[in-house]
PDB file of N, CA and C in Angstrom:
ATOM      1  N   MET A   1       4.783  62.653  32.270  1.00  0.00           N
ATOM      2  CA  MET A   1       5.560  61.587  31.662  1.00  0.00           C
ATOM      3  C   MET A   1       6.974  62.072  31.387  1.00  0.00           C
ATOM      4  N   PHE A   2       7.903  61.175  31.443  1.00  0.00           N
ATOM      5  CA  PHE A   2       9.313  61.456  31.182  1.00  0.00           C
ATOM      6  C   PHE A   2       9.803  62.623  32.035  1.00  0.00           C
ATOM      7  N   ASN A   3       9.608  62.522  33.338  1.00  0.00           N
ATOM      8  CA  ASN A   3       9.976  63.609  34.228  1.00  0.00           C
ATOM      9  C   ASN A   3      11.171  63.284  35.126  1.00  0.00           C
ATOM     10  N   ARG A   4      11.993  62.351  34.727  1.00  0.00           N
ATOM     11  CA  ARG A   4      13.214  62.060  35.467  1.00  0.00           C
ATOM     12  C   ARG A   4      14.258  63.116  35.124  1.00  0.00           C
ATOM     13  N   TYR A   5      14.933  63.648  36.134  1.00  0.00           N
ATOM     14  CA  TYR A   5      15.937  64.686  35.888  1.00  0.00           C
ATOM     15  C   TYR A   5      17.053  64.190  34.972  1.00  0.00           C
ATOM     16  N   GLN A   6      17.544  63.003  35.209  1.00  0.00           N
ATOM     17  CA  GLN A   6      18.599  62.442  34.377  1.00  0.00           C
ATOM     18  C   GLN A   6      18.103  61.131  33.776  1.00  0.00           C
ATOM     19  N   PRO A   7      17.387  61.218  32.654  1.00  0.00           N
ATOM     20  CA  PRO A   7      16.819  60.013  32.059  1.00  0.00           C
ATOM     21  C   PRO A   7      17.898  59.082  31.507  1.00  0.00           C
ATOM     22  N   LYS A   8      17.575  57.823  31.474  1.00  0.00           N
ATOM     23  CA  LYS A   8      18.450  56.839  30.862  1.00  0.00           C
ATOM     24  C   LYS A   8      18.127  56.853  29.370  1.00  0.00           C
ATOM     25  N   LEU A   9      19.086  57.262  28.578  1.00  0.00           N
ATOM     26  CA  LEU A   9      18.867  57.383  27.143  1.00  0.00           C
ATOM     27  C   LEU A   9      19.784  56.437  26.391  1.00  0.00           C
ATOM     28  N   THR A  10      19.344  56.029  25.238  1.00  0.00           N
ATOM     29  CA  THR A  10      20.170  55.246  24.348  1.00  0.00           C
ATOM     30  C   THR A  10      19.980  55.779  22.940  1.00  0.00           C
ATOM     31  N   ASN A  11      21.001  55.667  22.126  1.00  0.00           N
ATOM     32  CA  ASN A  11      20.947  56.143  20.759  1.00  0.00           C
ATOM     33  C   ASN A  11      20.272  55.079  19.907  1.00  0.00           C
ATOM     34  N   CYS A  12      19.142  55.434  19.325  1.00  0.00           N
ATOM     35  CA  CYS A  12      18.388  54.503  18.485  1.00  0.00           C
ATOM     36  C   CYS A  12      18.770  54.737  17.027  1.00  0.00           C
ATOM     37  N   GLN A  13      19.248  53.718  16.374  1.00  0.00           N
ATOM     38  CA  GLN A  13      19.649  53.833  14.976  1.00  0.00           C
ATOM     39  C   GLN A  13      18.554  53.358  14.018  1.00  0.00           C
ATOM     40  N   ASN A  14      17.412  52.966  14.571  1.00  0.00           N
ATOM     41  CA  ASN A  14      16.298  52.477  13.772  1.00  0.00           C
ATOM     42  C   ASN A  14      15.529  53.660  13.200  1.00  0.00           C
ATOM     43  N   SER A  15      15.128  53.579  11.961  1.00  0.00           N
ATOM     44  CA  SER A  15      14.400  54.695  11.340  1.00  0.00           C
ATOM     45  C   SER A  15      13.026  54.904  11.967  1.00  0.00           C
ATOM     46  N   SER A  16      12.463  53.887  12.617  1.00  0.00           N
ATOM     47  CA  SER A  16      11.143  54.037  13.233  1.00  0.00           C
ATOM     48  C   SER A  16      11.172  54.968  14.446  1.00  0.00           C
ATOM     49  N   CYS A  17      12.325  55.149  15.063  1.00  0.00           N
ATOM     50  CA  CYS A  17      12.440  56.059  16.211  1.00  0.00           C
ATOM     51  C   CYS A  17      13.104  57.366  15.822  1.00  0.00           C
ATOM     52  N   GLY A  18      13.338  57.559  14.556  1.00  0.00           N
ATOM     53  CA  GLY A  18      13.907  58.821  14.091  1.00  0.00           C
ATOM     54  C   GLY A  18      15.410  58.944  14.273  1.00  0.00           C
ATOM     55  N   LYS A  19      16.081  57.820  14.547  1.00  0.00           N
ATOM     56  CA  LYS A  19      17.535  57.815  14.745  1.00  0.00           C
ATOM     57  C   LYS A  19      17.971  58.895  15.728  1.00  0.00           C
ATOM     58  N   THR A  20      17.400  58.844  16.906  1.00  0.00           N
ATOM     59  CA  THR A  20      17.683  59.833  17.941  1.00  0.00           C
ATOM     60  C   THR A  20      17.794  59.132  19.292  1.00  0.00           C
ATOM     61  N   ASN A  21      18.023  59.884  20.349  1.00  0.00           N
ATOM     62  CA  ASN A  21      18.066  59.308  21.690  1.00  0.00           C
ATOM     63  C   ASN A  21      16.658  59.002  22.166  1.00  0.00           C
ATOM     64  N   ILE A  22      16.487  57.850  22.789  1.00  0.00           N
ATOM     65  CA  ILE A  22      15.188  57.459  23.322  1.00  0.00           C
ATOM     66  C   ILE A  22      15.342  57.042  24.783  1.00  0.00           C
ATOM     67  N   HIS A  23      14.259  57.186  25.528  1.00  0.00           N
ATOM     68  CA  HIS A  23      14.241  56.752  26.926  1.00  0.00           C
ATOM     69  C   HIS A  23      14.276  55.235  26.985  1.00  0.00           C
ATOM     70  N   THR A  24      15.022  54.705  27.938  1.00  0.00           N
ATOM     71  CA  THR A  24      15.062  53.265  28.147  1.00  0.00           C
ATOM     72  C   THR A  24      14.751  52.968  29.605  1.00  0.00           C
ATOM     73  N   GLY A  25      14.425  51.751  29.888  1.00  0.00           N
ATOM     74  CA  GLY A  25      14.112  51.357  31.255  1.00  0.00           C
ATOM     75  C   GLY A  25      12.666  51.679  31.596  1.00  0.00           C
ATOM     76  N   ASN A  26      12.254  51.323  32.796  1.00  0.00           N
ATOM     77  CA  ASN A  26      10.868  51.565  33.202  1.00  0.00           C
ATOM     78  C   ASN A  26      10.762  52.564  34.342  1.00  0.00           C
ATOM     79  N   ASP A  27      11.793  53.391  34.508  1.00  0.00           N
ATOM     80  CA  ASP A  27      11.757  54.382  35.578  1.00  0.00           C
ATOM     81  C   ASP A  27      11.922  55.798  35.030  1.00  0.00           C
ATOM     82  N   HIS A  28      11.407  56.040  33.838  1.00  0.00           N
ATOM     83  CA  HIS A  28      11.524  57.356  33.217  1.00  0.00           C
ATOM     84  C   HIS A  28      10.496  58.340  33.742  1.00  0.00           C
ATOM     85  N   SER A  29       9.477  57.850  34.430  1.00  0.00           N
ATOM     86  CA  SER A  29       8.428  58.712  34.950  1.00  0.00           C
ATOM     87  C   SER A  29       8.083  58.316  36.380  1.00  0.00           C
ATOM     88  N   TYR A  30       7.729  59.311  37.178  1.00  0.00           N
ATOM     89  CA  TYR A  30       7.322  59.036  38.553  1.00  0.00           C
ATOM     90  C   TYR A  30       6.063  58.175  38.584  1.00  0.00           C
ATOM     91  N   ILE A  31       5.119  58.495  37.713  1.00  0.00           N
ATOM     92  CA  ILE A  31       3.905  57.676  37.604  1.00  0.00           C
ATOM     93  C   ILE A  31       4.130  56.671  36.483  1.00  0.00           C
ATOM     94  N   HIS A  32       4.150  55.422  36.853  1.00  0.00           N
ATOM     95  CA  HIS A  32       4.468  54.359  35.899  1.00  0.00           C
ATOM     96  C   HIS A  32       3.190  53.794  35.286  1.00  0.00           C
ATOM     97  N   PRO A  33       2.994  53.976  33.981  1.00  0.00           N
ATOM     98  CA  PRO A  33       1.809  53.397  33.350  1.00  0.00           C
ATOM     99  C   PRO A  33       1.983  51.890  33.181  1.00  0.00           C
ATOM    100  N   ILE A  34       0.942  51.167  33.481  1.00  0.00           N
ATOM    101  CA  ILE A  34       0.991  49.714  33.338  1.00  0.00           C
ATOM    102  C   ILE A  34      -0.408  49.201  33.029  1.00  0.00           C
ATOM    103  N   LYS A  35      -0.466  48.188  32.220  1.00  0.00           N
ATOM    104  CA  LYS A  35      -1.761  47.582  31.893  1.00  0.00           C
ATOM    105  C   LYS A  35      -2.232  46.738  33.075  1.00  0.00           C
ATOM    106  N   TRP A  36      -3.530  46.714  33.277  1.00  0.00           N
ATOM    107  CA  TRP A  36      -4.104  46.002  34.410  1.00  0.00           C
ATOM    108  C   TRP A  36      -3.689  44.536  34.421  1.00  0.00           C
ATOM    109  N   ASN A  37      -3.713  43.881  33.271  1.00  0.00           N
ATOM    110  CA  ASN A  37      -3.367  42.450  33.237  1.00  0.00           C
ATOM    111  C   ASN A  37      -1.900  42.220  33.613  1.00  0.00           C
ATOM    112  N   GLU A  38      -1.016  43.168  33.297  1.00  0.00           N
ATOM    113  CA  GLU A  38       0.385  43.044  33.708  1.00  0.00           C
ATOM    114  C   GLU A  38       0.530  43.285  35.216  1.00  0.00           C
ATOM    115  N   PHE A  39      -0.238  44.243  35.728  1.00  0.00           N
ATOM    116  CA  PHE A  39      -0.213  44.541  37.164  1.00  0.00           C
ATOM    117  C   PHE A  39      -0.650  43.322  37.976  1.00  0.00           C
ATOM    118  N   THR A  40      -1.729  42.686  37.555  1.00  0.00           N
ATOM    119  CA  THR A  40      -2.263  41.554  38.319  1.00  0.00           C
ATOM    120  C   THR A  40      -1.368  40.319  38.251  1.00  0.00           C
ATOM    121  N   LEU A  41      -0.489  40.251  37.273  1.00  0.00           N
ATOM    122  CA  LEU A  41       0.434  39.111  37.188  1.00  0.00           C
ATOM    123  C   LEU A  41       1.527  39.176  38.250  1.00  0.00           C
ATOM    124  N   ASP A  42       1.859  40.378  38.700  1.00  0.00           N
ATOM    125  CA  ASP A  42       2.946  40.539  39.662  1.00  0.00           C
ATOM    126  C   ASP A  42       2.662  41.735  40.575  1.00  0.00           C
ATOM    127  N   ILE A  43       1.599  41.643  41.331  1.00  0.00           N
ATOM    128  CA  ILE A  43       1.145  42.745  42.173  1.00  0.00           C
ATOM    129  C   ILE A  43       2.210  43.173  43.181  1.00  0.00           C
ATOM    130  N   ASN A  44       2.820  42.230  43.858  1.00  0.00           N
ATOM    131  CA  ASN A  44       3.801  42.569  44.894  1.00  0.00           C
ATOM    132  C   ASN A  44       4.978  43.356  44.322  1.00  0.00           C
ATOM    133  N   ASN A  45       5.464  42.968  43.164  1.00  0.00           N
ATOM    134  CA  ASN A  45       6.572  43.685  42.540  1.00  0.00           C
ATOM    135  C   ASN A  45       6.152  45.098  42.150  1.00  0.00           C
ATOM    136  N   GLN A  46       4.952  45.260  41.638  1.00  0.00           N
ATOM    137  CA  GLN A  46       4.478  46.582  41.251  1.00  0.00           C
ATOM    138  C   GLN A  46       4.333  47.498  42.464  1.00  0.00           C
ATOM    139  N   ILE A  47       3.896  46.952  43.566  1.00  0.00           N
ATOM    140  CA  ILE A  47       3.790  47.734  44.802  1.00  0.00           C
ATOM    141  C   ILE A  47       5.180  48.126  45.292  1.00  0.00           C
ATOM    142  N   GLU A  48       6.134  47.215  45.215  1.00  0.00           N
ATOM    143  CA  GLU A  48       7.505  47.522  45.613  1.00  0.00           C
ATOM    144  C   GLU A  48       8.090  48.628  44.740  1.00  0.00           C
ATOM    145  N   LEU A  49       7.827  48.588  43.434  1.00  0.00           N
ATOM    146  CA  LEU A  49       8.313  49.638  42.539  1.00  0.00           C
ATOM    147  C   LEU A  49       7.709  50.993  42.912  1.00  0.00           C
ATOM    148  N   ALA A  50       6.430  51.014  43.245  1.00  0.00           N
ATOM    149  CA  ALA A  50       5.761  52.256  43.645  1.00  0.00           C
ATOM    150  C   ALA A  50       6.353  52.787  44.945  1.00  0.00           C
ATOM    151  N   LEU A  51       6.613  51.911  45.896  1.00  0.00           N
ATOM    152  CA  LEU A  51       7.209  52.338  47.156  1.00  0.00           C
ATOM    153  C   LEU A  51       8.626  52.867  46.944  1.00  0.00           C
ATOM    154  N   GLN A  52       9.368  52.266  46.035  1.00  0.00           N
ATOM    155  CA  GLN A  52      10.719  52.740  45.731  1.00  0.00           C
ATOM    156  C   GLN A  52      10.674  54.132  45.121  1.00  0.00           C
ATOM    157  N   ARG A  53       9.746  54.360  44.206  1.00  0.00           N
ATOM    158  CA  ARG A  53       9.608  55.694  43.607  1.00  0.00           C
ATOM    159  C   ARG A  53       9.264  56.726  44.679  1.00  0.00           C
ATOM    160  N   GLN A  54       8.477  56.330  45.642  1.00  0.00           N
ATOM    161  CA  GLN A  54       8.086  57.249  46.712  1.00  0.00           C
ATOM    162  C   GLN A  54       9.309  57.718  47.499  1.00  0.00           C
ATOM    163  N   THR A  55      10.297  56.863  47.651  1.00  0.00           N
ATOM    164  CA  THR A  55      11.504  57.246  48.384  1.00  0.00           C
ATOM    165  C   THR A  55      12.525  57.941  47.490  1.00  0.00           C
ATOM    166  N   ASP A  56      12.358  57.873  46.163  1.00  0.00           N
ATOM    167  CA  ASP A  56      13.289  58.483  45.213  1.00  0.00           C
ATOM    168  C   ASP A  56      12.743  59.772  44.607  1.00  0.00           C
ATOM    169  N   LEU A  57      11.997  60.542  45.374  1.00  0.00           N
ATOM    170  CA  LEU A  57      11.366  61.753  44.854  1.00  0.00           C
ATOM    171  C   LEU A  57      12.364  62.740  44.257  1.00  0.00           C
ATOM    172  N   ASP A  58      13.580  62.770  44.785  1.00  0.00           N
ATOM    173  CA  ASP A  58      14.550  63.764  44.340  1.00  0.00           C
ATOM    174  C   ASP A  58      15.075  63.526  42.921  1.00  0.00           C
ATOM    175  N   ILE A  59      14.821  62.377  42.325  1.00  0.00           N
ATOM    176  CA  ILE A  59      15.299  62.139  40.957  1.00  0.00           C
ATOM    177  C   ILE A  59      14.241  62.465  39.905  1.00  0.00           C
ATOM    178  N   TYR A  60      13.060  62.886  40.356  1.00  0.00           N
ATOM    179  CA  TYR A  60      11.977  63.221  39.429  1.00  0.00           C
ATOM    180  C   TYR A  60      11.600  64.692  39.559  1.00  0.00           C
ATOM    181  N   LYS A  61      11.291  65.298  38.449  1.00  0.00           N
ATOM    182  CA  LYS A  61      10.824  66.690  38.435  1.00  0.00           C
ATOM    183  C   LYS A  61       9.306  66.666  38.568  1.00  0.00           C
ATOM    184  N   LEU A  62       8.826  66.942  39.772  1.00  0.00           N
ATOM    185  CA  LEU A  62       7.401  66.914  40.042  1.00  0.00           C
ATOM    186  C   LEU A  62       6.894  68.337  40.172  1.00  0.00           C
ATOM    187  N   GLU A  63       5.849  68.640  39.433  1.00  0.00           N
ATOM    188  CA  GLU A  63       5.264  69.978  39.446  1.00  0.00           C
ATOM    189  C   GLU A  63       3.752  69.886  39.513  1.00  0.00           C
ATOM    190  N   LYS A  64       3.190  70.928  40.072  1.00  0.00           N
ATOM    191  CA  LYS A  64       1.727  71.044  40.084  1.00  0.00           C
ATOM    192  C   LYS A  64       1.407  72.368  39.443  1.00  0.00           C
ATOM    193  N   GLU A  65       0.539  72.338  38.453  1.00  0.00           N
ATOM    194  CA  GLU A  65       0.170  73.547  37.745  1.00  0.00           C
ATOM    195  C   GLU A  65      -1.188  74.023  38.223  1.00  0.00           C
ATOM    196  N   LEU A  66      -1.235  75.266  38.642  1.00  0.00           N
ATOM    197  CA  LEU A  66      -2.482  75.865  39.098  1.00  0.00           C
ATOM    198  C   LEU A  66      -3.015  76.775  37.998  1.00  0.00           C
ATOM    199  N   SER A  67      -4.299  76.671  37.745  1.00  0.00           N
ATOM    200  CA  SER A  67      -4.867  77.531  36.700  1.00  0.00           C
ATOM    201  C   SER A  67      -5.679  78.660  37.288  1.00  0.00           C
TER     202      SER A  67
END
């Protein structure tokens, strides 16, 4: 999660977020979490977003940890 090299951040002045920078947008991670009911409402768009991420590999820090 949150593995974009240059995340889109905004300064949150709300006390609930600790008055710090927070991630904004829906492209902060290579793997995008989504609820099933939201996915089924717009399947084609979700597939397009996944295909776009596949072509934008260079903007995400992807690692595999071997134990």
